[in-house]
Amino acid sequence: MTAMFETSQSKGSDLFYDVSCSVCEDEGITKEGSFHCHTCSKSYCDKCVVMHNKIHKDHSVSEKGKCDNWPVTKTVDTTLELCEEHSTEKLTMFCEDHEKLLCQVCHLRNHK
C-alpha cells in the first residue's frame, strides 16, 4: 500500500523557483522551468520541453539565460500576509510562546 504514495522528493522539489515548469506544476510537481515557449506563454523543464518540441515544431522556445525577456511567473499570494481573524490586518509579529504569526490586534488582545 505504501508503494502507491510518492514523496515530494520523487515527484520534485519543495523549492520555489522564479519560473516553474507549467506541465509539472499542473501535476503538483515543482521543477524549474528552464525553457519558455513564446507561443504558448508557458515554461518547461528539461524533460517536458522535449515533448513540447515534438508536438509543436513551429513554436519559438528560448532557453533560460539565453533570452533577453525571460518571464517571471511566480507571484506572491498577498492573502498569506493577512490575519485570518482580522482580515484587514497584516501579519507583522511572531509569538514565540504560541508559535503563531500575529497582527497588531491579536498581539494587543491575546499575546501581551
Protein backbone atom coordinates (compact mmCIF):
# COMPACT_ATOMS: atom_id res chain seq x y z
CA MET A 1 0.00 0.00 0.00
CA THR A 2 2.80 2.47 0.78
CA ALA A 3 4.23 1.91 -2.69
CA MET A 4 1.27 3.82 -4.11
CA PHE A 5 2.27 7.06 -2.37
CA GLU A 6 5.00 9.27 -3.78
CA THR A 7 7.14 11.56 -1.70
CA SER A 8 7.79 15.14 -2.72
CA GLN A 9 11.40 14.17 -3.38
CA SER A 10 10.44 11.62 -6.00
CA LYS A 11 7.89 13.96 -7.57
CA GLY A 12 10.08 17.04 -7.47
CA SER A 13 11.48 19.52 -5.04
CA ASP A 14 9.93 21.56 -2.26
CA LEU A 15 11.93 24.52 -3.54
CA PHE A 16 10.33 27.52 -5.17
CA TYR A 17 11.62 28.78 -8.49
CA ASP A 18 11.20 32.10 -10.26
CA VAL A 19 9.79 30.08 -13.14
CA SER A 20 8.36 26.58 -12.69
CA CYS A 21 7.59 24.02 -15.38
CA SER A 22 3.94 24.55 -16.35
CA VAL A 23 3.31 20.87 -17.12
CA CYS A 24 4.87 19.57 -13.91
CA GLU A 25 3.14 22.25 -11.83
CA ASP A 26 -0.25 21.08 -13.17
CA GLU A 27 0.64 17.63 -11.79
CA GLY A 28 1.61 19.03 -8.38
CA ILE A 29 5.33 18.66 -9.04
CA THR A 30 7.75 21.54 -8.57
CA LYS A 31 10.54 21.64 -11.15
CA GLU A 32 12.42 24.59 -12.52
CA GLY A 33 11.33 25.86 -15.91
CA SER A 34 14.49 26.10 -17.99
CA PHE A 35 12.74 26.79 -21.29
CA HIS A 36 9.96 29.20 -22.27
CA CYS A 37 7.64 28.92 -25.27
CA HIS A 38 6.69 32.37 -26.52
CA THR A 39 3.73 30.98 -28.48
CA CYS A 40 2.20 29.03 -25.56
CA SER A 41 3.42 31.52 -22.91
CA LYS A 42 4.41 28.55 -20.75
CA SER A 43 7.65 27.32 -19.22
CA TYR A 44 9.05 23.81 -19.38
CA CYS A 45 11.67 21.71 -17.58
CA ASP A 46 14.34 19.77 -19.48
CA LYS A 47 12.09 16.70 -19.78
CA CYS A 48 8.82 18.42 -20.74
CA VAL A 49 10.40 20.70 -23.37
CA VAL A 50 11.38 17.60 -25.38
CA MET A 51 7.73 16.51 -25.67
CA HIS A 52 6.59 20.09 -26.34
CA ASN A 53 9.09 20.47 -29.16
CA LYS A 54 7.97 17.18 -30.74
CA ILE A 55 4.34 18.26 -30.72
CA HIS A 56 4.80 21.96 -31.55
CA LYS A 57 7.68 22.12 -34.03
CA ASP A 58 6.77 25.63 -35.21
CA HIS A 59 6.80 27.26 -31.74
CA SER A 60 9.58 29.60 -30.63
CA VAL A 61 11.27 28.25 -27.47
CA SER A 62 14.03 30.08 -25.59
CA GLU A 63 16.44 28.64 -23.03
CA LYS A 64 16.92 30.33 -19.67
CA GLY A 65 19.95 32.60 -19.71
CA LYS A 66 19.87 32.88 -23.49
CA CYS A 67 16.82 35.13 -23.70
CA ASP A 68 16.60 38.87 -23.02
CA ASN A 69 12.97 38.86 -21.86
CA TRP A 70 12.84 35.82 -19.55
CA PRO A 71 9.42 35.66 -17.81
CA VAL A 72 8.89 35.59 -14.05
CA THR A 73 5.60 33.81 -13.46
CA LYS A 74 5.56 33.30 -9.70
CA THR A 75 3.54 35.86 -7.79
CA VAL A 76 3.30 36.30 -4.07
CA ASP A 77 -0.05 35.44 -2.57
CA THR A 78 -0.80 38.58 -0.57
CA THR A 79 -3.60 36.84 1.36
CA LEU A 80 -0.88 34.97 3.26
CA GLU A 81 0.12 38.30 4.77
CA LEU A 82 -3.33 38.94 6.27
CA CYS A 83 -4.61 37.76 9.64
CA GLU A 84 -7.28 35.05 9.49
CA GLU A 85 -9.22 36.57 12.39
CA HIS A 86 -8.78 40.23 11.42
CA SER A 87 -8.90 40.10 7.64
CA THR A 88 -7.80 43.70 7.08
CA GLU A 89 -4.74 43.45 9.36
CA LYS A 90 -1.33 42.35 8.11
CA LEU A 91 0.68 39.73 9.98
CA THR A 92 3.59 41.69 11.41
CA MET A 93 4.75 39.74 14.51
CA PHE A 94 5.55 36.25 15.68
CA CYS A 95 4.63 34.91 19.13
CA GLU A 96 7.37 32.50 20.16
CA ASP A 97 5.29 31.15 23.08
CA HIS A 98 2.41 30.11 20.80
CA GLU A 99 4.49 29.73 17.61
CA LYS A 100 2.00 31.82 15.68
CA LEU A 101 2.08 34.81 13.34
CA LEU A 102 0.15 37.79 14.69
CA CYS A 103 -1.36 41.06 13.57
CA GLN A 104 -1.29 44.10 15.86
CA VAL A 105 -4.86 43.48 17.07
CA CYS A 106 -4.11 39.85 18.03
CA HIS A 107 -0.97 40.97 19.80
CA LEU A 108 -2.82 43.57 21.87
CA ARG A 109 -5.76 41.31 22.74
CA ASN A 110 -4.24 37.87 23.20
CA HIS A 111 -0.44 37.92 23.35
CA LYS A 112 0.74 40.58 25.79
